[in-house]
Structure formats: structure tokens, C-alpha cells
Amino acid sequence: MVGNPQSKVRATPSKGHSKPKPKEKLFHPQSRKAAQLERAHLRQHKLTSAKSKRGKVQNERNDRFVFFHHALTSDVPSLTLPEIHDIIKDVWLHRHDVAIAEEAATRRKGEPRSSKEDKLLAAKEADKEEYRTGLEIPDLTDPTTVELFRKWEDGDPNYLPLLRMIRVSSADHEKFVITRRGRREEELEAKAAKEAKAVSKAAAKDPNVMAID
């Protein structure tokens, strides 16, 4: 199933006598928001690594969702698809850059890279490849999913099945693929179907009861 949400048009402030301070691009690699996301992600990564007993793949997936949880600002009901791609391109793919630069700075000229630097570079390339082939994240274009995602606490993986998941790719910025409907969404649909069936059954017995589609 493919979605193609439209980008929101944002109004620009009118020019006055004195020029207002330019608004900082929210997800520019050097922006304050980007720095906050990076610090939050590193902090959560350390906590997860220290106390989690889950496997490596599960940890990496959980860290990804923690990152996007911090990427949500409190004043928006959802994100547009272009905004999601901006977060991925400008922040997610660059989150190891500081650590890579620090490792490179400790090397003397002609010395080989450290194993830590090699791992960081490999992780960055793996992220790029995953984004190219399809990166799975919560559907942040859907207000209902965003509302549920905001309630996620302590990185609990057992909460994630409630959320609708999508796959986005650098190969196509115009579309996404729904990879899993959220359990909450399925529960609401099942409830609505049950109610509709009950009304239809009642209508069959009593012509005065109006059936619903």
C-alpha cells in the first residue's frame, strides 16, 4: 500500500522596518535542533547499551525509533514526507560524524584508522545503504501514529507494535510503503466492523433500524 502525502505550505513572515532574525532551519546539520537530536541519541544509545539484554539488531532498531521520537517537536501533529527525508539526510545519516572526526584527529599522519573509526565508518555506510533500499520507521505523516508515538516511554520495544510502520527510501522521495498496520489501528477497525455487523443484523430483524455501510 503506498501513500503520497502532500507537503504543507508554510507562510513566510512579512518584512518590517527591521529585519527579523532569520529562522534557523529546523534540521540543518549545524542547527541547534540537530545538535539536540545528536546528544539525545547518544545519551539514549549509552543507556540502551548499558542495560539492554536484547540482540544487536533489536538494539539498533530501538535506537532508530528513539532518535525519531526525539525528532518530533511538540507543536506539530505530524510531519510531511519531505520533512522526514530532511531529518534522515541532514541528521540521521550524520549522527556518527563527530565521533568519526574525533577518532581521525587522534591519528598521526600515516597511521591506520582505529578499529573504532572503522566501525563508525562502516555503520555510516550501512545506514546509507539501508536508506537507499528502504528504512523502516513509524509513520510520522499520520497524526494518530504520532499521537501514540509521543506516549512511548523508556524505549520499551513492546509498545512499538501499536504503531503503523512505513518504509522510506532515498531512491523515491515521493512515496512510502506501509510495512505494518499498527495494532491500535487494527483494534479500532475491528471494533467498527463489529458495530457495523451488529447494526446490520438488527436491521435485518427490524426494518425500522437503519443499517450503516
C-alpha atoms as a PDB file:
ATOM      1  CA  MET A   1       0.000   0.000   0.000  1.00  0.00           C
ATOM      2  CA  VAL A   2       1.523   3.344  -0.997  1.00  0.00           C
ATOM      3  CA  GLY A   3       0.928   6.797   0.408  1.00  0.00           C
ATOM      4  CA  ASN A   4       1.735  10.118  -1.185  1.00  0.00           C
ATOM      5  CA  PRO A   5       1.104  12.849   1.393  1.00  0.00           C
ATOM      6  CA  GLN A   6       1.215  16.440   0.182  1.00  0.00           C
ATOM      7  CA  SER A   7       3.741  18.868   1.622  1.00  0.00           C
ATOM      8  CA  LYS A   8       2.410  21.651   3.785  1.00  0.00           C
ATOM      9  CA  VAL A   9       2.791  25.232   2.533  1.00  0.00           C
ATOM     10  CA  ARG A  10       4.192  27.440   5.235  1.00  0.00           C
ATOM     11  CA  ALA A  11       3.595  31.186   5.265  1.00  0.00           C
ATOM     12  CA  THR A  12       6.630  33.436   5.397  1.00  0.00           C
ATOM     13  CA  PRO A  13       6.657  36.443   7.764  1.00  0.00           C
ATOM     14  CA  SER A  14       6.141  39.874   6.199  1.00  0.00           C
ATOM     15  CA  LYS A  15       9.103  42.229   6.050  1.00  0.00           C
ATOM     16  CA  GLY A  16       9.084  45.109   8.519  1.00  0.00           C
ATOM     17  CA  HIS A  17      11.305  48.115   9.165  1.00  0.00           C
ATOM     18  CA  SER A  18      13.924  45.999  10.909  1.00  0.00           C
ATOM     19  CA  LYS A  19      14.781  42.604   9.579  1.00  0.00           C
ATOM     20  CA  PRO A  20      13.829  39.778  11.976  1.00  0.00           C
ATOM     21  CA  LYS A  21      16.463  37.243  12.873  1.00  0.00           C
ATOM     22  CA  PRO A  22      16.452  34.546  10.168  1.00  0.00           C
ATOM     23  CA  LYS A  23      14.667  31.426  11.322  1.00  0.00           C
ATOM     24  CA  GLU A  24      17.094  28.594  11.737  1.00  0.00           C
ATOM     25  CA  LYS A  25      16.429  25.606   9.507  1.00  0.00           C
ATOM     26  CA  LEU A  26      14.987  23.007  11.848  1.00  0.00           C
ATOM     27  CA  PHE A  27      17.035  20.044  10.683  1.00  0.00           C
ATOM     28  CA  HIS A  28      20.142  21.685   9.219  1.00  0.00           C
ATOM     29  CA  PRO A  29      23.223  19.606  10.184  1.00  0.00           C
ATOM     30  CA  GLN A  30      24.634  22.546  12.192  1.00  0.00           C
ATOM     31  CA  SER A  31      21.346  23.684  13.731  1.00  0.00           C
ATOM     32  CA  ARG A  32      20.585  23.660  17.445  1.00  0.00           C
ATOM     33  CA  LYS A  33      17.840  21.112  16.848  1.00  0.00           C
ATOM     34  CA  ALA A  34      20.280  18.810  15.070  1.00  0.00           C
ATOM     35  CA  ALA A  35      22.721  19.120  17.966  1.00  0.00           C
ATOM     36  CA  GLN A  36      19.949  18.335  20.457  1.00  0.00           C
ATOM     37  CA  LEU A  37      18.925  15.276  18.478  1.00  0.00           C
ATOM     38  CA  GLU A  38      22.505  14.063  18.327  1.00  0.00           C
ATOM     39  CA  ARG A  39      23.034  14.499  22.071  1.00  0.00           C
ATOM     40  CA  ALA A  40      19.715  12.828  22.878  1.00  0.00           C
ATOM     41  CA  HIS A  41      20.505   9.919  20.592  1.00  0.00           C
ATOM     42  CA  LEU A  42      23.994   9.416  22.040  1.00  0.00           C
ATOM     43  CA  ARG A  43      22.623   9.562  25.591  1.00  0.00           C
ATOM     44  CA  GLN A  44      19.888   7.031  24.838  1.00  0.00           C
ATOM     45  CA  HIS A  45      22.345   4.816  22.973  1.00  0.00           C
ATOM     46  CA  LYS A  46      24.625   4.664  26.027  1.00  0.00           C
ATOM     47  CA  LEU A  47      21.690   3.843  28.313  1.00  0.00           C
ATOM     48  CA  THR A  48      20.406   1.172  25.954  1.00  0.00           C
ATOM     49  CA  SER A  49      23.834  -0.400  25.521  1.00  0.00           C
ATOM     50  CA  ALA A  50      24.404  -0.459  29.263  1.00  0.00           C
ATOM     51  CA  LYS A  51      21.171  -2.058  30.391  1.00  0.00           C
ATOM     52  CA  SER A  52      19.682  -3.869  27.416  1.00  0.00           C
ATOM     53  CA  LYS A  53      19.945  -7.639  27.045  1.00  0.00           C
ATOM     54  CA  ARG A  54      18.370  -7.725  23.611  1.00  0.00           C
ATOM     55  CA  GLY A  55      20.287  -8.619  20.463  1.00  0.00           C
ATOM     56  CA  LYS A  56      22.305  -6.208  18.363  1.00  0.00           C
ATOM     57  CA  VAL A  57      19.690  -5.903  15.612  1.00  0.00           C
ATOM     58  CA  GLN A  58      16.930  -5.161  18.127  1.00  0.00           C
ATOM     59  CA  ASN A  59      19.121  -2.546  19.837  1.00  0.00           C
ATOM     60  CA  GLU A  60      19.867  -0.787  16.559  1.00  0.00           C
ATOM     61  CA  ARG A  61      16.188  -0.773  15.614  1.00  0.00           C
ATOM     62  CA  ASN A  62      15.212   0.554  19.046  1.00  0.00           C
ATOM     63  CA  ASP A  63      17.874   3.282  18.853  1.00  0.00           C
ATOM     64  CA  ARG A  64      16.474   4.352  15.490  1.00  0.00           C
ATOM     65  CA  PHE A  65      12.990   4.756  16.923  1.00  0.00           C
ATOM     66  CA  VAL A  66      14.355   6.644  19.939  1.00  0.00           C
ATOM     67  CA  PHE A  67      16.054   9.035  17.539  1.00  0.00           C
ATOM     68  CA  PHE A  68      12.840   9.751  15.623  1.00  0.00           C
ATOM     69  CA  HIS A  69      10.933  10.054  18.890  1.00  0.00           C
ATOM     70  CA  HIS A  70      13.253  12.930  19.844  1.00  0.00           C
ATOM     71  CA  ALA A  71      12.941  14.383  16.334  1.00  0.00           C
ATOM     72  CA  LEU A  72       9.236  15.086  16.897  1.00  0.00           C
ATOM     73  CA  THR A  73       8.572  18.610  18.077  1.00  0.00           C
ATOM     74  CA  SER A  74       5.648  19.167  20.410  1.00  0.00           C
ATOM     75  CA  ASP A  75       3.908  21.759  18.231  1.00  0.00           C
ATOM     76  CA  VAL A  76       3.184  19.637  15.145  1.00  0.00           C
ATOM     77  CA  PRO A  77       0.525  16.922  14.756  1.00  0.00           C
ATOM     78  CA  SER A  78       2.568  15.135  12.093  1.00  0.00           C
ATOM     79  CA  LEU A  79       5.429  15.583   9.620  1.00  0.00           C
ATOM     80  CA  THR A  80       5.359  15.831   5.861  1.00  0.00           C
ATOM     81  CA  LEU A  81       7.283  13.283   3.816  1.00  0.00           C
ATOM     82  CA  PRO A  82       9.877  15.905   2.743  1.00  0.00           C
ATOM     83  CA  GLU A  83      10.437  16.792   6.409  1.00  0.00           C
ATOM     84  CA  ILE A  84      11.064  13.122   7.224  1.00  0.00           C
ATOM     85  CA  HIS A  85      13.617  12.875   4.428  1.00  0.00           C
ATOM     86  CA  ASP A  86      15.294  16.060   5.690  1.00  0.00           C
ATOM     87  CA  ILE A  87      15.684  14.538   9.152  1.00  0.00           C
ATOM     88  CA  ILE A  88      17.203  11.387   7.684  1.00  0.00           C
ATOM     89  CA  LYS A  89      19.539  13.149   5.241  1.00  0.00           C
ATOM     90  CA  ASP A  90      20.645  16.033   7.451  1.00  0.00           C
ATOM     91  CA  VAL A  91      20.801  14.419  10.878  1.00  0.00           C
ATOM     92  CA  TRP A  92      20.304  10.633  10.977  1.00  0.00           C
ATOM     93  CA  LEU A  93      22.990   9.859   8.388  1.00  0.00           C
ATOM     94  CA  HIS A  94      25.426  12.281  10.041  1.00  0.00           C
ATOM     95  CA  ARG A  95      24.979  11.253  13.658  1.00  0.00           C
ATOM     96  CA  HIS A  96      28.380   9.489  13.770  1.00  0.00           C
ATOM     97  CA  ASP A  97      30.306  12.366  12.159  1.00  0.00           C
ATOM     98  CA  VAL A  98      31.504  13.935  15.409  1.00  0.00           C
ATOM     99  CA  ALA A  99      32.826  10.627  16.761  1.00  0.00           C
ATOM    100  CA  ILE A 100      34.491   9.854  13.409  1.00  0.00           C
ATOM    101  CA  ALA A 101      36.184  13.264  13.380  1.00  0.00           C
ATOM    102  CA  GLU A 102      37.397  12.790  16.956  1.00  0.00           C
ATOM    103  CA  GLU A 103      38.907   9.413  16.113  1.00  0.00           C
ATOM    104  CA  ALA A 104      40.551  10.795  12.974  1.00  0.00           C
ATOM    105  CA  ALA A 105      42.031  13.694  14.973  1.00  0.00           C
ATOM    106  CA  THR A 106      43.892  11.294  17.286  1.00  0.00           C
ATOM    107  CA  ARG A 107      45.696   9.610  14.370  1.00  0.00           C
ATOM    108  CA  ARG A 108      49.152  10.704  13.386  1.00  0.00           C
ATOM    109  CA  LYS A 109      49.907  11.189   9.731  1.00  0.00           C
ATOM    110  CA  GLY A 110      50.332   7.828   8.024  1.00  0.00           C
ATOM    111  CA  GLU A 111      48.798   5.814  10.859  1.00  0.00           C
ATOM    112  CA  PRO A 112      45.954   3.397  10.025  1.00  0.00           C
ATOM    113  CA  ARG A 113      42.445   4.026  11.278  1.00  0.00           C
ATOM    114  CA  SER A 114      41.496   2.645  14.673  1.00  0.00           C
ATOM    115  CA  SER A 115      39.037  -0.239  14.887  1.00  0.00           C
ATOM    116  CA  LYS A 116      36.526   2.169  16.439  1.00  0.00           C
ATOM    117  CA  GLU A 117      36.801   4.550  13.491  1.00  0.00           C
ATOM    118  CA  ASP A 118      36.433   1.650  11.056  1.00  0.00           C
ATOM    119  CA  LYS A 119      33.274   0.510  12.842  1.00  0.00           C
ATOM    120  CA  LEU A 120      31.804   4.008  12.801  1.00  0.00           C
ATOM    121  CA  LEU A 121      32.528   4.430   9.094  1.00  0.00           C
ATOM    122  CA  ALA A 122      31.043   1.013   8.377  1.00  0.00           C
ATOM    123  CA  ALA A 123      27.931   1.927  10.390  1.00  0.00           C
ATOM    124  CA  LYS A 124      27.541   5.156   8.414  1.00  0.00           C
ATOM    125  CA  GLU A 125      27.790   3.314   5.096  1.00  0.00           C
ATOM    126  CA  ALA A 126      25.307   0.702   6.323  1.00  0.00           C
ATOM    127  CA  ASP A 127      22.863   3.484   7.222  1.00  0.00           C
ATOM    128  CA  LYS A 128      23.171   4.969   3.726  1.00  0.00           C
ATOM    129  CA  GLU A 129      22.552   1.589   2.133  1.00  0.00           C
ATOM    130  CA  GLU A 130      19.546   0.878   4.357  1.00  0.00           C
ATOM    131  CA  TYR A 131      18.094   4.276   3.490  1.00  0.00           C
ATOM    132  CA  ARG A 132      18.623   3.518  -0.208  1.00  0.00           C
ATOM    133  CA  THR A 133      16.900   0.131  -0.050  1.00  0.00           C
ATOM    134  CA  GLY A 134      14.247   1.193   2.479  1.00  0.00           C
ATOM    135  CA  LEU A 135      14.390   2.468   6.072  1.00  0.00           C
ATOM    136  CA  GLU A 136      11.548   1.374   8.363  1.00  0.00           C
ATOM    137  CA  ILE A 137      10.248   3.995  10.784  1.00  0.00           C
ATOM    138  CA  PRO A 138       6.922   4.856  12.463  1.00  0.00           C
ATOM    139  CA  ASP A 139       4.502   6.626  10.117  1.00  0.00           C
ATOM    140  CA  LEU A 140       5.152  10.194  11.209  1.00  0.00           C
ATOM    141  CA  THR A 141       2.872  11.504   8.452  1.00  0.00           C
ATOM    142  CA  ASP A 142      -0.117  10.009  10.297  1.00  0.00           C
ATOM    143  CA  PRO A 143      -1.419  12.119  13.236  1.00  0.00           C
ATOM    144  CA  THR A 144      -2.828   9.063  15.039  1.00  0.00           C
ATOM    145  CA  THR A 145       0.516   7.260  14.892  1.00  0.00           C
ATOM    146  CA  VAL A 146       2.335  10.413  16.003  1.00  0.00           C
ATOM    147  CA  GLU A 147      -0.009  10.785  18.980  1.00  0.00           C
ATOM    148  CA  LEU A 148       0.662   7.191  20.032  1.00  0.00           C
ATOM    149  CA  PHE A 149       4.401   7.558  19.400  1.00  0.00           C
ATOM    150  CA  ARG A 150       4.635  10.578  21.718  1.00  0.00           C
ATOM    151  CA  LYS A 151       3.393   8.339  24.575  1.00  0.00           C
ATOM    152  CA  TRP A 152       6.248   5.872  24.084  1.00  0.00           C
ATOM    153  CA  GLU A 153       8.381   5.772  27.230  1.00  0.00           C
ATOM    154  CA  ASP A 154      11.737   4.293  28.244  1.00  0.00           C
ATOM    155  CA  GLY A 155      12.385   2.804  24.810  1.00  0.00           C
ATOM    156  CA  ASP A 156      10.042  -0.119  25.531  1.00  0.00           C
ATOM    157  CA  PRO A 157      10.020  -2.324  22.379  1.00  0.00           C
ATOM    158  CA  ASN A 158       6.761  -3.984  23.444  1.00  0.00           C
ATOM    159  CA  TYR A 159       4.934  -0.716  22.745  1.00  0.00           C
ATOM    160  CA  LEU A 160       6.065  -0.451  19.112  1.00  0.00           C
ATOM    161  CA  PRO A 161       3.552  -2.949  17.613  1.00  0.00           C
ATOM    162  CA  LEU A 162       0.833  -0.385  18.376  1.00  0.00           C
ATOM    163  CA  LEU A 163       2.308   1.893  15.706  1.00  0.00           C
ATOM    164  CA  ARG A 164       1.851   1.875  11.962  1.00  0.00           C
ATOM    165  CA  MET A 165       5.235   1.398  10.271  1.00  0.00           C
ATOM    166  CA  ILE A 166       6.372   2.688   6.896  1.00  0.00           C
ATOM    167  CA  ARG A 167       9.464   2.259   4.727  1.00  0.00           C
ATOM    168  CA  VAL A 168      11.055   5.306   3.115  1.00  0.00           C
ATOM    169  CA  SER A 169      13.841   5.298   0.564  1.00  0.00           C
ATOM    170  CA  SER A 170      16.343   7.771  -0.853  1.00  0.00           C
ATOM    171  CA  ALA A 171      15.505   6.291  -4.256  1.00  0.00           C
ATOM    172  CA  ASP A 172      11.977   7.753  -4.153  1.00  0.00           C
ATOM    173  CA  HIS A 173      11.169  10.821  -2.057  1.00  0.00           C
ATOM    174  CA  GLU A 174       7.594  10.996  -3.309  1.00  0.00           C
ATOM    175  CA  LYS A 175       6.257   7.733  -1.886  1.00  0.00           C
ATOM    176  CA  PHE A 176       6.416   5.434   1.110  1.00  0.00           C
ATOM    177  CA  VAL A 177       5.292   1.872   1.697  1.00  0.00           C
ATOM    178  CA  ILE A 178       3.199   0.830   4.690  1.00  0.00           C
ATOM    179  CA  THR A 179       5.003  -2.226   6.043  1.00  0.00           C
ATOM    180  CA  ARG A 180       2.748  -2.885   9.031  1.00  0.00           C
ATOM    181  CA  ARG A 181      -0.537  -1.581  10.282  1.00  0.00           C
ATOM    182  CA  GLY A 182      -0.474  -0.726  13.948  1.00  0.00           C
ATOM    183  CA  ARG A 183      -2.227  -2.956  16.439  1.00  0.00           C
ATOM    184  CA  ARG A 184      -4.195   0.022  17.727  1.00  0.00           C
ATOM    185  CA  GLU A 185      -5.367   0.784  14.184  1.00  0.00           C
ATOM    186  CA  GLU A 186      -6.423  -2.838  13.715  1.00  0.00           C
ATOM    187  CA  GLU A 187      -8.285  -2.832  17.032  1.00  0.00           C
ATOM    188  CA  LEU A 188     -10.267   0.287  16.069  1.00  0.00           C
ATOM    189  CA  GLU A 189     -11.123  -1.149  12.662  1.00  0.00           C
ATOM    190  CA  ALA A 190     -12.218  -4.451  14.213  1.00  0.00           C
ATOM    191  CA  LYS A 191     -14.417  -2.570  16.691  1.00  0.00           C
ATOM    192  CA  ALA A 192     -16.013  -0.526  13.904  1.00  0.00           C
ATOM    193  CA  ALA A 193     -16.634  -3.660  11.831  1.00  0.00           C
ATOM    194  CA  LYS A 194     -18.220  -5.405  14.811  1.00  0.00           C
ATOM    195  CA  GLU A 195     -20.525  -2.459  15.448  1.00  0.00           C
ATOM    196  CA  ALA A 196     -21.499  -2.293  11.773  1.00  0.00           C
ATOM    197  CA  LYS A 197     -22.259  -6.014  11.766  1.00  0.00           C
ATOM    198  CA  ALA A 198     -24.426  -5.650  14.870  1.00  0.00           C
ATOM    199  CA  VAL A 199     -26.398  -2.805  13.271  1.00  0.00           C
ATOM    200  CA  SER A 200     -26.843  -4.764  10.031  1.00  0.00           C
ATOM    201  CA  LYS A 201     -28.048  -7.779  11.977  1.00  0.00           C
ATOM    202  CA  ALA A 202     -30.538  -5.647  13.882  1.00  0.00           C
ATOM    203  CA  ALA A 203     -31.722  -4.058  10.626  1.00  0.00           C
ATOM    204  CA  ALA A 204     -32.399  -7.484   9.152  1.00  0.00           C
ATOM    205  CA  LYS A 205     -34.710  -8.246  12.066  1.00  0.00           C
ATOM    206  CA  ASP A 206     -36.340  -4.827  12.246  1.00  0.00           C
ATOM    207  CA  PRO A 207     -36.853  -2.782   9.036  1.00  0.00           C
ATOM    208  CA  ASN A 208     -37.098   0.407  11.120  1.00  0.00           C
ATOM    209  CA  VAL A 209     -33.387   0.086  12.077  1.00  0.00           C
ATOM    210  CA  MET A 210     -31.144   1.846   9.542  1.00  0.00           C
ATOM    211  CA  ALA A 211     -28.087  -0.169   8.517  1.00  0.00           C
ATOM    212  CA  ILE A 212     -24.716   1.585   8.115  1.00  0.00           C
ATOM    213  CA  ASP A 213     -22.086   0.997   5.434  1.00  0.00           C
END
